[in-house]
Amino acid sequence: FKLTMAAQTQTAPGLLEIGSWKIASHKTHMMESRCTCPPDADAHAQCAYCRFSKAFDFPLPEEVFAANNLVLQHRSGFKLEFSAMDALKHVGECEPLCVAGAADWLAARPQTQSLSRMTPYDWTFTTSYKGSVLGHHKPETTEQRIDLESLKAQEKILFYDDVHLFADDYHDNGLCQTHVRVRVMPSGFFVLLRQFVRVDRVIVRVRDTRIHHRFEWDYVLREYSAKEASVADIVPLLAAHHLDERALFQTDKITMVADILPIVAERHEKISCV
């Protein structure tokens, strides 16, 4: 199984200015898997590999898109940002998961140091990351929900992008994909940050963060959900939808699998953006 994220190519930053918002995405190649610092480089000129390696006490994912990001900024100073560095900072905040595949994954990284400090679940890179809110704006719990049906209405797409953050195949023991999509319409924008985790023959996880804003609002809605099930439990759920276990290995079926998985945690928030 080939990781699908490696195909990202160098592009110019995507940019849209609409009303009070500036929305920008940047995509480039994945980070090198070794140090590329020049011999005389100082601390401020470190390569991406060195910056990421020093930031975390666990081995990095096989594919890290260190320079990729998505930024949505309001003229008030409110900013939403999505990046690999921030996403990895939230690895380890979920329930522990330690399975036989972890030993294989670690054995494939003999160059990694400080493994004794690594927690049992870091190797899956499961993250509770919801995006970075920059500024003084604080999320508040809300009863208001994103109207997903209204988002199905036919509208002109003014801007769209799919930005990959990181990926790993657990040394052929599964798959982890983390990426963020944005869609801007005349009425507003919608963001989906999704992480799909599959540990072969063990568990399937999906971590979703949805963000919606209508341009007449002075706030954004953010909804986070954690879904998961053991492979043994999800097989009958798949069968009820006329699918079998092969769907877990097909990237075009991830959305269908995510819809089937049971929710284990969720959070609904409203964030002022003015």
C-alpha atoms as a PDB file:
ATOM      1  CA  PHE A   1       0.000   0.000   0.000  1.00  0.00           C
ATOM      2  CA  LYS A   2       1.462   3.359  -1.050  1.00  0.00           C
ATOM      3  CA  LEU A   3       0.876   6.446   1.035  1.00  0.00           C
ATOM      4  CA  THR A   4      -1.249   8.791  -1.065  1.00  0.00           C
ATOM      5  CA  MET A   5       0.110  12.004   0.438  1.00  0.00           C
ATOM      6  CA  ALA A   6       3.569  11.765  -1.140  1.00  0.00           C
ATOM      7  CA  ALA A   7       2.229  13.027  -4.469  1.00  0.00           C
ATOM      8  CA  GLN A   8       1.879  16.646  -3.303  1.00  0.00           C
ATOM      9  CA  THR A   9       3.857  18.877  -5.665  1.00  0.00           C
ATOM     10  CA  GLN A  10       5.367  22.319  -5.351  1.00  0.00           C
ATOM     11  CA  THR A  11       2.726  24.982  -5.942  1.00  0.00           C
ATOM     12  CA  ALA A  12       2.364  28.701  -5.484  1.00  0.00           C
ATOM     13  CA  PRO A  13       0.416  29.618  -2.365  1.00  0.00           C
ATOM     14  CA  GLY A  14      -3.357  29.677  -2.867  1.00  0.00           C
ATOM     15  CA  LEU A  15      -4.888  32.964  -1.811  1.00  0.00           C
ATOM     16  CA  LEU A  16      -8.386  34.414  -1.646  1.00  0.00           C
ATOM     17  CA  GLU A  17      -9.463  37.707  -0.131  1.00  0.00           C
ATOM     18  CA  ILE A  18     -13.197  37.980   0.414  1.00  0.00           C
ATOM     19  CA  GLY A  19     -14.959  40.529   2.609  1.00  0.00           C
ATOM     20  CA  SER A  20     -13.091  40.755   5.920  1.00  0.00           C
ATOM     21  CA  TRP A  21     -11.224  37.489   5.349  1.00  0.00           C
ATOM     22  CA  LYS A  22      -7.927  36.455   3.819  1.00  0.00           C
ATOM     23  CA  ILE A  23      -7.667  32.710   3.186  1.00  0.00           C
ATOM     24  CA  ALA A  24      -4.320  31.256   2.165  1.00  0.00           C
ATOM     25  CA  SER A  25      -2.940  27.772   1.665  1.00  0.00           C
ATOM     26  CA  HIS A  26       0.587  26.646   0.964  1.00  0.00           C
ATOM     27  CA  LYS A  27       1.661  23.202  -0.256  1.00  0.00           C
ATOM     28  CA  THR A  28       5.095  21.877  -1.075  1.00  0.00           C
ATOM     29  CA  HIS A  29       7.107  18.637  -0.947  1.00  0.00           C
ATOM     30  CA  MET A  30       7.404  16.547   2.199  1.00  0.00           C
ATOM     31  CA  MET A  31      10.231  17.144   4.646  1.00  0.00           C
ATOM     32  CA  GLU A  32      13.586  15.439   4.137  1.00  0.00           C
ATOM     33  CA  SER A  33      14.194  12.406   6.377  1.00  0.00           C
ATOM     34  CA  ARG A  34      17.670  13.609   7.392  1.00  0.00           C
ATOM     35  CA  CYS A  35      19.462  16.803   8.352  1.00  0.00           C
ATOM     36  CA  THR A  36      20.111  19.164   5.445  1.00  0.00           C
ATOM     37  CA  CYS A  37      21.596  22.045   7.456  1.00  0.00           C
ATOM     38  CA  PRO A  38      24.698  23.677   5.974  1.00  0.00           C
ATOM     39  CA  PRO A  39      27.829  23.147   8.113  1.00  0.00           C
ATOM     40  CA  ASP A  40      27.827  26.732   9.417  1.00  0.00           C
ATOM     41  CA  ALA A  41      24.079  26.972  10.096  1.00  0.00           C
ATOM     42  CA  ASP A  42      23.061  28.644  13.356  1.00  0.00           C
ATOM     43  CA  ALA A  43      19.995  27.882  15.470  1.00  0.00           C
ATOM     44  CA  HIS A  44      17.876  30.276  13.407  1.00  0.00           C
ATOM     45  CA  ALA A  45      18.742  28.582  10.112  1.00  0.00           C
ATOM     46  CA  GLN A  46      18.012  24.972  11.024  1.00  0.00           C
ATOM     47  CA  CYS A  47      16.457  22.717   8.420  1.00  0.00           C
ATOM     48  CA  ALA A  48      12.906  21.457   8.930  1.00  0.00           C
ATOM     49  CA  TYR A  49      14.119  17.989   9.940  1.00  0.00           C
ATOM     50  CA  CYS A  50      16.221  19.399  12.793  1.00  0.00           C
ATOM     51  CA  ARG A  51      13.450  21.736  13.986  1.00  0.00           C
ATOM     52  CA  PHE A  52      10.901  18.917  14.106  1.00  0.00           C
ATOM     53  CA  SER A  53      13.300  16.352  15.609  1.00  0.00           C
ATOM     54  CA  LYS A  54      14.202  18.704  18.455  1.00  0.00           C
ATOM     55  CA  ALA A  55      10.566  19.659  19.071  1.00  0.00           C
ATOM     56  CA  PHE A  56       9.383  16.114  19.830  1.00  0.00           C
ATOM     57  CA  ASP A  57      10.654  13.249  21.991  1.00  0.00           C
ATOM     58  CA  PHE A  58       9.144  10.566  19.749  1.00  0.00           C
ATOM     59  CA  PRO A  59      10.046   9.400  16.217  1.00  0.00           C
ATOM     60  CA  LEU A  60       8.507  11.496  13.479  1.00  0.00           C
ATOM     61  CA  PRO A  61       5.963  10.180  10.967  1.00  0.00           C
ATOM     62  CA  GLU A  62       7.355   8.821   7.729  1.00  0.00           C
ATOM     63  CA  GLU A  63       5.899  11.739   5.770  1.00  0.00           C
ATOM     64  CA  VAL A  64       5.828  15.219   7.298  1.00  0.00           C
ATOM     65  CA  PHE A  65       4.795  18.224   5.211  1.00  0.00           C
ATOM     66  CA  ALA A  66       6.603  20.723   7.388  1.00  0.00           C
ATOM     67  CA  ALA A  67       5.948  23.803   5.241  1.00  0.00           C
ATOM     68  CA  ASN A  68       2.317  23.061   4.396  1.00  0.00           C
ATOM     69  CA  ASN A  69      -0.326  25.171   6.071  1.00  0.00           C
ATOM     70  CA  LEU A  70      -3.778  26.670   5.826  1.00  0.00           C
ATOM     71  CA  VAL A  71      -4.518  30.083   7.318  1.00  0.00           C
ATOM     72  CA  LEU A  72      -7.874  31.869   7.609  1.00  0.00           C
ATOM     73  CA  GLN A  73      -7.455  35.388   8.956  1.00  0.00           C
ATOM     74  CA  HIS A  74     -10.065  38.036   9.761  1.00  0.00           C
ATOM     75  CA  ARG A  75      -9.181  41.716   9.580  1.00  0.00           C
ATOM     76  CA  SER A  76      -9.918  41.926  13.333  1.00  0.00           C
ATOM     77  CA  GLY A  77      -6.774  39.838  13.961  1.00  0.00           C
ATOM     78  CA  PHE A  78      -8.605  36.556  14.527  1.00  0.00           C
ATOM     79  CA  LYS A  79      -6.735  33.708  12.855  1.00  0.00           C
ATOM     80  CA  LEU A  80      -7.245  29.984  12.330  1.00  0.00           C
ATOM     81  CA  GLU A  81      -4.154  28.068  11.300  1.00  0.00           C
ATOM     82  CA  PHE A  82      -3.442  24.414  10.495  1.00  0.00           C
ATOM     83  CA  SER A  83       0.096  22.992  10.375  1.00  0.00           C
ATOM     84  CA  ALA A  84       1.981  19.733  10.893  1.00  0.00           C
ATOM     85  CA  MET A  85       4.007  21.131  13.791  1.00  0.00           C
ATOM     86  CA  ASP A  86       0.913  22.094  15.782  1.00  0.00           C
ATOM     87  CA  ALA A  87      -0.905  18.858  14.895  1.00  0.00           C
ATOM     88  CA  LEU A  88       1.986  16.749  16.201  1.00  0.00           C
ATOM     89  CA  LYS A  89       2.064  18.737  19.449  1.00  0.00           C
ATOM     90  CA  HIS A  90      -1.289  17.140  20.330  1.00  0.00           C
ATOM     91  CA  VAL A  91      -0.138  13.556  19.790  1.00  0.00           C
ATOM     92  CA  GLY A  92      -0.365  11.604  23.042  1.00  0.00           C
ATOM     93  CA  GLU A  93      -3.522  13.260  24.389  1.00  0.00           C
ATOM     94  CA  CYS A  94      -5.673  10.248  23.502  1.00  0.00           C
ATOM     95  CA  GLU A  95      -6.172   6.909  25.202  1.00  0.00           C
ATOM     96  CA  PRO A  96      -3.126   4.580  25.109  1.00  0.00           C
ATOM     97  CA  LEU A  97      -2.909   2.037  22.314  1.00  0.00           C
ATOM     98  CA  CYS A  98      -0.142  -0.542  22.411  1.00  0.00           C
ATOM     99  CA  VAL A  99      -0.236  -3.419  19.952  1.00  0.00           C
ATOM    100  CA  ALA A 100       2.224  -5.828  18.387  1.00  0.00           C
ATOM    101  CA  GLY A 101       2.755  -3.551  15.383  1.00  0.00           C
ATOM    102  CA  ALA A 102       4.461  -0.955  17.568  1.00  0.00           C
ATOM    103  CA  ALA A 103       7.532  -3.171  17.920  1.00  0.00           C
ATOM    104  CA  ASP A 104       7.849  -3.465  14.137  1.00  0.00           C
ATOM    105  CA  TRP A 105       7.434   0.266  13.708  1.00  0.00           C
ATOM    106  CA  LEU A 106      10.156   1.060  16.240  1.00  0.00           C
ATOM    107  CA  ALA A 107      12.496  -1.567  14.806  1.00  0.00           C
ATOM    108  CA  ALA A 108      12.298   0.214  11.448  1.00  0.00           C
ATOM    109  CA  ARG A 109      13.732   3.378  13.071  1.00  0.00           C
ATOM    110  CA  PRO A 110      17.013   2.284  14.691  1.00  0.00           C
ATOM    111  CA  GLN A 111      18.398   5.805  14.330  1.00  0.00           C
ATOM    112  CA  THR A 112      15.785   7.223  16.699  1.00  0.00           C
ATOM    113  CA  GLN A 113      17.021   8.274  20.103  1.00  0.00           C
ATOM    114  CA  SER A 114      15.234   8.621  23.448  1.00  0.00           C
ATOM    115  CA  LEU A 115      12.761   5.834  22.681  1.00  0.00           C
ATOM    116  CA  SER A 116      12.598   5.016  26.386  1.00  0.00           C
ATOM    117  CA  ARG A 117      10.599   8.226  26.862  1.00  0.00           C
ATOM    118  CA  MET A 118       8.078   7.334  24.202  1.00  0.00           C
ATOM    119  CA  THR A 119       4.578   6.548  25.427  1.00  0.00           C
ATOM    120  CA  PRO A 120       2.910   3.367  24.111  1.00  0.00           C
ATOM    121  CA  TYR A 121       0.422   5.193  21.891  1.00  0.00           C
ATOM    122  CA  ASP A 122       2.604   7.847  20.242  1.00  0.00           C
ATOM    123  CA  TRP A 123       3.533   5.475  17.441  1.00  0.00           C
ATOM    124  CA  THR A 124       0.019   5.787  15.916  1.00  0.00           C
ATOM    125  CA  PHE A 125       0.267   9.612  15.911  1.00  0.00           C
ATOM    126  CA  THR A 126      -3.375   9.900  16.977  1.00  0.00           C
ATOM    127  CA  THR A 127      -3.917  13.603  17.583  1.00  0.00           C
ATOM    128  CA  SER A 128      -6.698  15.620  19.191  1.00  0.00           C
ATOM    129  CA  TYR A 129      -5.632  18.690  17.187  1.00  0.00           C
ATOM    130  CA  LYS A 130      -8.540  20.975  16.228  1.00  0.00           C
ATOM    131  CA  GLY A 131      -6.564  23.703  14.503  1.00  0.00           C
ATOM    132  CA  SER A 132      -4.778  26.643  16.117  1.00  0.00           C
ATOM    133  CA  VAL A 133      -6.790  29.684  17.224  1.00  0.00           C
ATOM    134  CA  LEU A 134      -4.459  32.679  17.344  1.00  0.00           C
ATOM    135  CA  GLY A 135      -5.274  35.832  19.252  1.00  0.00           C
ATOM    136  CA  HIS A 136      -7.308  36.511  22.380  1.00  0.00           C
ATOM    137  CA  HIS A 137     -10.426  34.703  21.154  1.00  0.00           C
ATOM    138  CA  LYS A 138     -11.493  31.792  23.356  1.00  0.00           C
ATOM    139  CA  PRO A 139     -13.748  28.909  22.303  1.00  0.00           C
ATOM    140  CA  GLU A 140     -17.015  28.576  24.223  1.00  0.00           C
ATOM    141  CA  THR A 141     -19.280  25.550  24.436  1.00  0.00           C
ATOM    142  CA  THR A 142     -22.457  25.997  22.407  1.00  0.00           C
ATOM    143  CA  GLU A 143     -25.732  24.241  21.649  1.00  0.00           C
ATOM    144  CA  GLN A 144     -25.673  25.584  18.090  1.00  0.00           C
ATOM    145  CA  ARG A 145     -24.750  23.001  15.458  1.00  0.00           C
ATOM    146  CA  ILE A 146     -23.266  23.197  11.994  1.00  0.00           C
ATOM    147  CA  ASP A 147     -26.074  22.753   9.483  1.00  0.00           C
ATOM    148  CA  LEU A 148     -24.513  20.130   7.234  1.00  0.00           C
ATOM    149  CA  GLU A 149     -27.639  19.964   5.077  1.00  0.00           C
ATOM    150  CA  SER A 150     -27.347  23.647   4.188  1.00  0.00           C
ATOM    151  CA  LEU A 151     -23.753  23.024   3.121  1.00  0.00           C
ATOM    152  CA  LYS A 152     -25.052  20.607   0.486  1.00  0.00           C
ATOM    153  CA  ALA A 153     -26.756  23.477  -1.364  1.00  0.00           C
ATOM    154  CA  GLN A 154     -25.316  24.171  -4.815  1.00  0.00           C
ATOM    155  CA  GLU A 155     -23.033  27.216  -4.592  1.00  0.00           C
ATOM    156  CA  LYS A 156     -20.160  28.455  -6.657  1.00  0.00           C
ATOM    157  CA  ILE A 157     -16.819  27.313  -5.211  1.00  0.00           C
ATOM    158  CA  LEU A 158     -14.612  30.379  -4.974  1.00  0.00           C
ATOM    159  CA  PHE A 159     -11.659  28.575  -3.407  1.00  0.00           C
ATOM    160  CA  TYR A 160     -10.828  24.964  -2.593  1.00  0.00           C
ATOM    161  CA  ASP A 161      -7.738  23.183  -1.355  1.00  0.00           C
ATOM    162  CA  ASP A 162      -6.652  19.954   0.324  1.00  0.00           C
ATOM    163  CA  VAL A 163      -3.514  20.387   2.425  1.00  0.00           C
ATOM    164  CA  HIS A 164      -1.649  17.331   3.726  1.00  0.00           C
ATOM    165  CA  LEU A 165       0.071  17.579   7.124  1.00  0.00           C
ATOM    166  CA  PHE A 166       1.583  14.150   7.856  1.00  0.00           C
ATOM    167  CA  ALA A 167       1.257  10.435   7.142  1.00  0.00           C
ATOM    168  CA  ASP A 168       2.712   7.079   8.154  1.00  0.00           C
ATOM    169  CA  ASP A 169       2.083   3.422   7.285  1.00  0.00           C
ATOM    170  CA  TYR A 170       3.324   2.008  10.628  1.00  0.00           C
ATOM    171  CA  HIS A 171       5.938  -0.037   8.780  1.00  0.00           C
ATOM    172  CA  ASP A 172       3.225  -1.785   6.744  1.00  0.00           C
ATOM    173  CA  ASN A 173       1.040  -2.326   9.834  1.00  0.00           C
ATOM    174  CA  GLY A 174      -1.639   0.194   8.881  1.00  0.00           C
ATOM    175  CA  LEU A 175      -2.117   3.791   7.841  1.00  0.00           C
ATOM    176  CA  CYS A 176      -2.309   7.278   9.303  1.00  0.00           C
ATOM    177  CA  GLN A 177      -3.357  10.262   7.192  1.00  0.00           C
ATOM    178  CA  THR A 178      -3.857  13.788   8.487  1.00  0.00           C
ATOM    179  CA  HIS A 179      -4.988  16.560   6.164  1.00  0.00           C
ATOM    180  CA  VAL A 180      -7.209  19.638   6.072  1.00  0.00           C
ATOM    181  CA  ARG A 181      -9.650  20.714   3.358  1.00  0.00           C
ATOM    182  CA  VAL A 182     -11.180  24.150   2.851  1.00  0.00           C
ATOM    183  CA  ARG A 183     -14.078  25.234   0.665  1.00  0.00           C
ATOM    184  CA  VAL A 184     -15.102  28.873   0.245  1.00  0.00           C
ATOM    185  CA  MET A 185     -18.475  29.830  -1.203  1.00  0.00           C
ATOM    186  CA  PRO A 186     -20.202  33.226  -1.584  1.00  0.00           C
ATOM    187  CA  SER A 187     -22.080  32.493   1.677  1.00  0.00           C
ATOM    188  CA  GLY A 188     -19.077  31.516   3.808  1.00  0.00           C
ATOM    189  CA  PHE A 189     -16.434  28.848   4.295  1.00  0.00           C
ATOM    190  CA  PHE A 190     -16.231  25.275   5.537  1.00  0.00           C
ATOM    191  CA  VAL A 191     -13.131  23.489   6.827  1.00  0.00           C
ATOM    192  CA  LEU A 192     -12.677  19.781   7.519  1.00  0.00           C
ATOM    193  CA  LEU A 193      -9.565  18.633   9.377  1.00  0.00           C
ATOM    194  CA  ARG A 194      -9.494  14.830   9.276  1.00  0.00           C
ATOM    195  CA  GLN A 195      -7.185  12.169  10.664  1.00  0.00           C
ATOM    196  CA  PHE A 196      -7.733   8.573   9.603  1.00  0.00           C
ATOM    197  CA  VAL A 197      -5.924   5.866  11.588  1.00  0.00           C
ATOM    198  CA  ARG A 198      -6.030   2.176  10.744  1.00  0.00           C
ATOM    199  CA  VAL A 199      -3.973  -0.346  12.692  1.00  0.00           C
ATOM    200  CA  ASP A 200      -4.339  -3.547  10.706  1.00  0.00           C
ATOM    201  CA  ARG A 201      -6.511  -6.183  12.379  1.00  0.00           C
ATOM    202  CA  VAL A 202      -6.765  -4.025  15.512  1.00  0.00           C
ATOM    203  CA  ILE A 203      -8.564  -0.667  15.352  1.00  0.00           C
ATOM    204  CA  VAL A 204      -9.860   2.119  13.110  1.00  0.00           C
ATOM    205  CA  ARG A 205      -9.996   5.740  14.278  1.00  0.00           C
ATOM    206  CA  VAL A 206     -11.231   8.974  12.737  1.00  0.00           C
ATOM    207  CA  ARG A 207     -10.671  12.388  14.305  1.00  0.00           C
ATOM    208  CA  ASP A 208     -12.699  15.124  12.595  1.00  0.00           C
ATOM    209  CA  THR A 209     -12.823  18.859  13.173  1.00  0.00           C
ATOM    210  CA  ARG A 210     -15.408  20.801  11.172  1.00  0.00           C
ATOM    211  CA  ILE A 211     -15.414  24.593  11.092  1.00  0.00           C
ATOM    212  CA  HIS A 212     -18.174  26.668   9.495  1.00  0.00           C
ATOM    213  CA  HIS A 213     -18.575  30.399   9.125  1.00  0.00           C
ATOM    214  CA  ARG A 214     -21.204  32.413   7.269  1.00  0.00           C
ATOM    215  CA  PHE A 215     -19.935  35.840   6.292  1.00  0.00           C
ATOM    216  CA  GLU A 216     -22.795  37.612   8.090  1.00  0.00           C
ATOM    217  CA  TRP A 217     -21.797  35.935  11.392  1.00  0.00           C
ATOM    218  CA  ASP A 218     -19.388  37.425  13.924  1.00  0.00           C
ATOM    219  CA  TYR A 219     -18.303  33.944  15.033  1.00  0.00           C
ATOM    220  CA  VAL A 220     -17.255  30.549  13.697  1.00  0.00           C
ATOM    221  CA  LEU A 221     -18.643  27.172  14.726  1.00  0.00           C
ATOM    222  CA  ARG A 222     -16.184  24.376  15.463  1.00  0.00           C
ATOM    223  CA  GLU A 223     -17.190  20.752  15.990  1.00  0.00           C
ATOM    224  CA  TYR A 224     -14.767  18.006  17.007  1.00  0.00           C
ATOM    225  CA  SER A 225     -15.576  14.318  16.989  1.00  0.00           C
ATOM    226  CA  ALA A 226     -13.543  11.234  17.876  1.00  0.00           C
ATOM    227  CA  LYS A 227     -14.763   8.006  16.310  1.00  0.00           C
ATOM    228  CA  GLU A 228     -13.304   4.539  16.621  1.00  0.00           C
ATOM    229  CA  ALA A 229     -13.989   0.835  16.763  1.00  0.00           C
ATOM    230  CA  SER A 230     -12.031  -2.375  16.816  1.00  0.00           C
ATOM    231  CA  VAL A 231     -11.755  -4.098  13.456  1.00  0.00           C
ATOM    232  CA  ALA A 232     -13.762  -6.998  14.912  1.00  0.00           C
ATOM    233  CA  ASP A 233     -16.594  -4.614  15.824  1.00  0.00           C
ATOM    234  CA  ILE A 234     -16.594  -2.616  12.605  1.00  0.00           C
ATOM    235  CA  VAL A 235     -16.824  -5.590  10.222  1.00  0.00           C
ATOM    236  CA  PRO A 236     -20.535  -6.226  10.979  1.00  0.00           C
ATOM    237  CA  LEU A 237     -21.189  -2.472  10.740  1.00  0.00           C
ATOM    238  CA  LEU A 238     -19.610  -2.462   7.291  1.00  0.00           C
ATOM    239  CA  ALA A 239     -21.683  -5.485   6.269  1.00  0.00           C
ATOM    240  CA  ALA A 240     -24.862  -3.633   7.198  1.00  0.00           C
ATOM    241  CA  HIS A 241     -23.868  -1.015   4.611  1.00  0.00           C
ATOM    242  CA  HIS A 242     -23.010  -3.622   1.974  1.00  0.00           C
ATOM    243  CA  LEU A 243     -19.270  -3.231   2.537  1.00  0.00           C
ATOM    244  CA  ASP A 244     -16.604  -5.627   3.747  1.00  0.00           C
ATOM    245  CA  GLU A 245     -13.213  -5.293   5.450  1.00  0.00           C
ATOM    246  CA  ARG A 246     -11.578  -4.321   2.170  1.00  0.00           C
ATOM    247  CA  ALA A 247     -13.204  -0.901   2.527  1.00  0.00           C
ATOM    248  CA  LEU A 248     -10.757  -0.133   5.351  1.00  0.00           C
ATOM    249  CA  PHE A 249      -7.906  -0.324   2.837  1.00  0.00           C
ATOM    250  CA  GLN A 250      -9.500   1.823   0.123  1.00  0.00           C
ATOM    251  CA  THR A 251      -8.840   5.552   0.376  1.00  0.00           C
ATOM    252  CA  ASP A 252     -11.981   6.359  -1.613  1.00  0.00           C
ATOM    253  CA  LYS A 253     -14.046   4.624   1.081  1.00  0.00           C
ATOM    254  CA  ILE A 254     -12.665   6.599   4.049  1.00  0.00           C
ATOM    255  CA  THR A 255     -15.662   8.948   4.162  1.00  0.00           C
ATOM    256  CA  MET A 256     -18.064   5.997   4.190  1.00  0.00           C
ATOM    257  CA  VAL A 257     -16.080   4.295   6.950  1.00  0.00           C
ATOM    258  CA  ALA A 258     -16.026   7.537   8.966  1.00  0.00           C
ATOM    259  CA  ASP A 259     -19.817   7.811   8.725  1.00  0.00           C
ATOM    260  CA  ILE A 260     -20.208   4.260  10.064  1.00  0.00           C
ATOM    261  CA  LEU A 261     -17.817   4.479  13.014  1.00  0.00           C
ATOM    262  CA  PRO A 262     -19.406   5.144  16.437  1.00  0.00           C
ATOM    263  CA  ILE A 263     -18.644   8.436  18.186  1.00  0.00           C
ATOM    264  CA  VAL A 264     -16.653   8.096  21.422  1.00  0.00           C
ATOM    265  CA  ALA A 265     -16.207  11.829  22.151  1.00  0.00           C
ATOM    266  CA  GLU A 266     -17.365  15.141  20.705  1.00  0.00           C
ATOM    267  CA  ARG A 267     -17.237  18.849  21.418  1.00  0.00           C
ATOM    268  CA  HIS A 268     -19.225  21.777  19.975  1.00  0.00           C
ATOM    269  CA  GLU A 269     -17.787  25.295  20.195  1.00  0.00           C
ATOM    270  CA  LYS A 270     -18.468  28.852  19.118  1.00  0.00           C
ATOM    271  CA  ILE A 271     -15.516  31.234  18.684  1.00  0.00           C
ATOM    272  CA  SER A 272     -15.915  35.012  18.254  1.00  0.00           C
ATOM    273  CA  CYS A 273     -13.943  36.266  15.251  1.00  0.00           C
ATOM    274  CA  VAL A 274     -14.332  40.038  15.698  1.00  0.00           C
END
